[in-house]
Amino acid sequence: MSIRSFWIFVVLLAAACNGPMGLLPGGKLGGEPRPAPSNWGFAGDYGTVQLETHPEEPYSVNIAYTIMGGRLFINAGGTETQWVKNMTLDPNVKLRLDGSLYDLRAVRVTDRGEIDRFAKAWTSQSMFRRDPSSYEQVWIYELVAR
């Protein structure tokens, strides 16, 4: 298989997967539409979900989430990633969790106390997670109902 054929295969496979594949971003997410819950506790303390940003040209990624007090948070740490840039332009996002699709709005967390509480929860999940409160700028978002 040539390099060109390989990349065509990868692109077609990614398109067929209805979202991101590992670390590779994807497009529009599919799933069973559901209303946003008032409490995300059913999702456990943390895990991985798919996040779709940029509704006009959907861009989706696999991303870790953290639940605090029934509220759902995502974290880009100290890096302004593409999905963060997309949410700056339009905070309306979709979240896919266990095949369910939720229409949400991303709200950037800027309160220092909230960032510190998140950092404590985030770093307790794995010794490999860096403390986001140590960054000069941090991109932590709460996902709320639209």
Protein backbone atom coordinates (compact mmCIF):
# COMPACT_ATOMS: atom_id res chain seq x y z
CA MET A 1 0.00 0.00 0.00
CA SER A 2 1.40 3.38 -0.99
CA ILE A 3 1.59 6.31 1.43
CA ARG A 4 -1.14 8.09 -0.52
CA SER A 5 -3.42 5.04 -0.40
CA PHE A 6 -2.77 4.70 3.32
CA TRP A 7 -3.82 8.31 4.02
CA ILE A 8 -6.92 7.98 1.85
CA PHE A 9 -7.81 4.87 3.85
CA VAL A 10 -7.25 6.72 7.14
CA VAL A 11 -9.42 9.66 6.04
CA LEU A 12 -12.24 7.37 4.86
CA LEU A 13 -12.05 5.33 8.05
CA ALA A 14 -12.19 8.47 10.18
CA ALA A 15 -15.18 9.77 8.22
CA ALA A 16 -16.99 6.50 8.72
CA CYS A 17 -16.39 6.49 12.47
CA ASN A 18 -18.80 9.32 13.23
CA GLY A 19 -16.38 11.34 15.30
CA PRO A 20 -12.77 11.39 16.47
CA MET A 21 -10.48 8.38 16.33
CA GLY A 22 -8.02 8.23 19.21
CA LEU A 23 -5.98 11.43 19.10
CA LEU A 24 -7.19 12.32 15.60
CA PRO A 25 -10.05 14.84 15.45
CA GLY A 26 -13.25 13.97 13.65
CA GLY A 27 -16.36 15.71 12.41
CA LYS A 28 -20.05 15.65 13.25
CA LEU A 29 -21.05 13.39 16.12
CA GLY A 30 -24.05 11.11 15.94
CA GLY A 31 -26.03 9.66 18.78
CA GLU A 32 -29.38 9.59 20.54
CA PRO A 33 -30.36 13.20 21.36
CA ARG A 34 -31.10 13.68 25.05
CA PRO A 35 -31.88 16.70 27.21
CA ALA A 36 -28.99 17.90 29.36
CA PRO A 37 -29.28 16.51 32.88
CA SER A 38 -29.33 18.85 35.87
CA ASN A 39 -26.81 16.55 37.58
CA TRP A 40 -24.04 14.65 35.77
CA GLY A 41 -23.32 12.36 38.74
CA PHE A 42 -24.49 9.32 36.74
CA ALA A 43 -21.31 9.71 34.61
CA GLY A 44 -19.02 8.89 37.57
CA ASP A 45 -16.20 11.11 38.84
CA TYR A 46 -14.32 11.25 35.54
CA GLY A 47 -13.92 9.60 32.16
CA THR A 48 -13.64 10.28 28.45
CA VAL A 49 -16.28 11.69 26.10
CA GLN A 50 -16.47 13.08 22.60
CA LEU A 51 -16.84 16.85 22.23
CA GLU A 52 -18.04 18.51 19.02
CA THR A 53 -17.28 22.20 18.46
CA HIS A 54 -17.73 24.60 15.54
CA PRO A 55 -21.31 23.75 14.46
CA GLU A 56 -20.85 25.13 10.91
CA GLU A 57 -17.90 22.79 10.25
CA PRO A 58 -18.07 20.23 13.06
CA TYR A 59 -14.77 19.42 14.74
CA SER A 60 -14.81 16.67 17.36
CA VAL A 61 -12.25 15.32 19.81
CA ASN A 62 -11.98 12.71 22.52
CA ILE A 63 -11.54 14.52 25.80
CA ALA A 64 -11.31 13.75 29.50
CA TYR A 65 -14.03 15.11 31.76
CA THR A 66 -14.34 15.58 35.51
CA ILE A 67 -17.54 15.73 37.53
CA MET A 68 -17.59 18.01 40.58
CA GLY A 69 -20.78 18.43 42.58
CA GLY A 70 -22.82 17.00 39.70
CA ARG A 71 -21.33 19.56 37.28
CA LEU A 72 -19.33 18.49 34.19
CA PHE A 73 -15.94 20.09 33.41
CA ILE A 74 -13.40 19.67 30.61
CA ASN A 75 -9.83 20.88 30.62
CA ALA A 76 -7.31 21.92 27.98
CA GLY A 77 -4.75 22.81 30.64
CA GLY A 78 -2.32 25.52 29.60
CA THR A 79 -2.78 24.98 25.86
CA GLU A 80 -5.24 26.91 23.72
CA THR A 81 -6.17 23.93 21.55
CA GLN A 82 -8.21 24.05 18.34
CA TRP A 83 -11.37 23.02 20.17
CA VAL A 84 -10.80 25.84 22.68
CA LYS A 85 -10.41 28.33 19.84
CA ASN A 86 -13.63 26.99 18.31
CA MET A 87 -15.52 27.43 21.60
CA THR A 88 -14.23 30.99 21.91
CA LEU A 89 -15.93 31.77 18.60
CA ASP A 90 -19.10 29.79 19.40
CA PRO A 91 -19.63 28.23 22.85
CA ASN A 92 -22.39 25.91 21.59
CA VAL A 93 -21.10 22.34 21.66
CA LYS A 94 -22.35 18.78 21.52
CA LEU A 95 -21.21 16.10 23.92
CA ARG A 96 -21.49 12.36 23.26
CA LEU A 97 -21.48 10.12 26.30
CA ASP A 98 -22.36 6.42 26.04
CA GLY A 99 -24.12 6.96 22.70
CA SER A 100 -26.24 9.85 23.98
CA LEU A 101 -25.84 13.31 22.44
CA TYR A 102 -26.29 16.47 24.52
CA ASP A 103 -26.58 20.06 23.24
CA LEU A 104 -24.55 22.16 25.67
CA ARG A 105 -22.80 25.51 26.10
CA ALA A 106 -19.18 25.83 27.20
CA VAL A 107 -18.54 28.37 29.96
CA ARG A 108 -14.91 29.17 30.69
CA VAL A 109 -13.96 28.90 34.36
CA THR A 110 -12.07 32.01 35.49
CA ASP A 111 -12.77 32.04 39.24
CA ARG A 112 -9.51 31.23 41.04
CA GLY A 113 -11.27 29.23 43.77
CA GLU A 114 -13.11 27.13 41.18
CA ILE A 115 -9.86 26.54 39.27
CA ASP A 116 -8.14 25.40 42.48
CA ARG A 117 -11.04 23.02 43.33
CA PHE A 118 -10.93 21.62 39.81
CA ALA A 119 -7.14 21.22 39.99
CA LYS A 120 -7.45 19.17 43.17
CA ALA A 121 -10.07 16.86 41.61
CA TRP A 122 -8.16 16.63 38.30
CA THR A 123 -4.78 15.73 39.78
CA SER A 124 -6.31 13.17 42.17
CA GLN A 125 -7.42 11.11 39.14
CA SER A 126 -3.90 10.21 38.00
CA MET A 127 -0.33 10.94 38.97
CA PHE A 128 0.26 11.86 35.31
CA ARG A 129 -2.18 14.79 35.33
CA ARG A 130 -0.54 18.20 35.62
CA ASP A 131 -1.96 20.77 38.00
CA PRO A 132 -3.83 23.30 35.83
CA SER A 133 -3.72 25.93 38.58
CA SER A 134 0.04 26.23 37.98
CA TYR A 135 -0.42 27.59 34.44
CA GLU A 136 -0.32 31.30 33.69
CA GLN A 137 -3.46 30.85 31.56
CA VAL A 138 -5.75 27.87 31.89
CA TRP A 139 -8.64 26.68 29.74
CA ILE A 140 -11.13 24.88 31.94
CA TYR A 141 -14.78 24.83 30.90
CA GLU A 142 -18.01 23.87 32.55
CA LEU A 143 -20.53 22.40 30.11
CA VAL A 144 -24.07 23.58 30.88
CA ALA A 145 -27.50 23.20 29.31
CA ARG A 146 -28.23 25.63 26.45
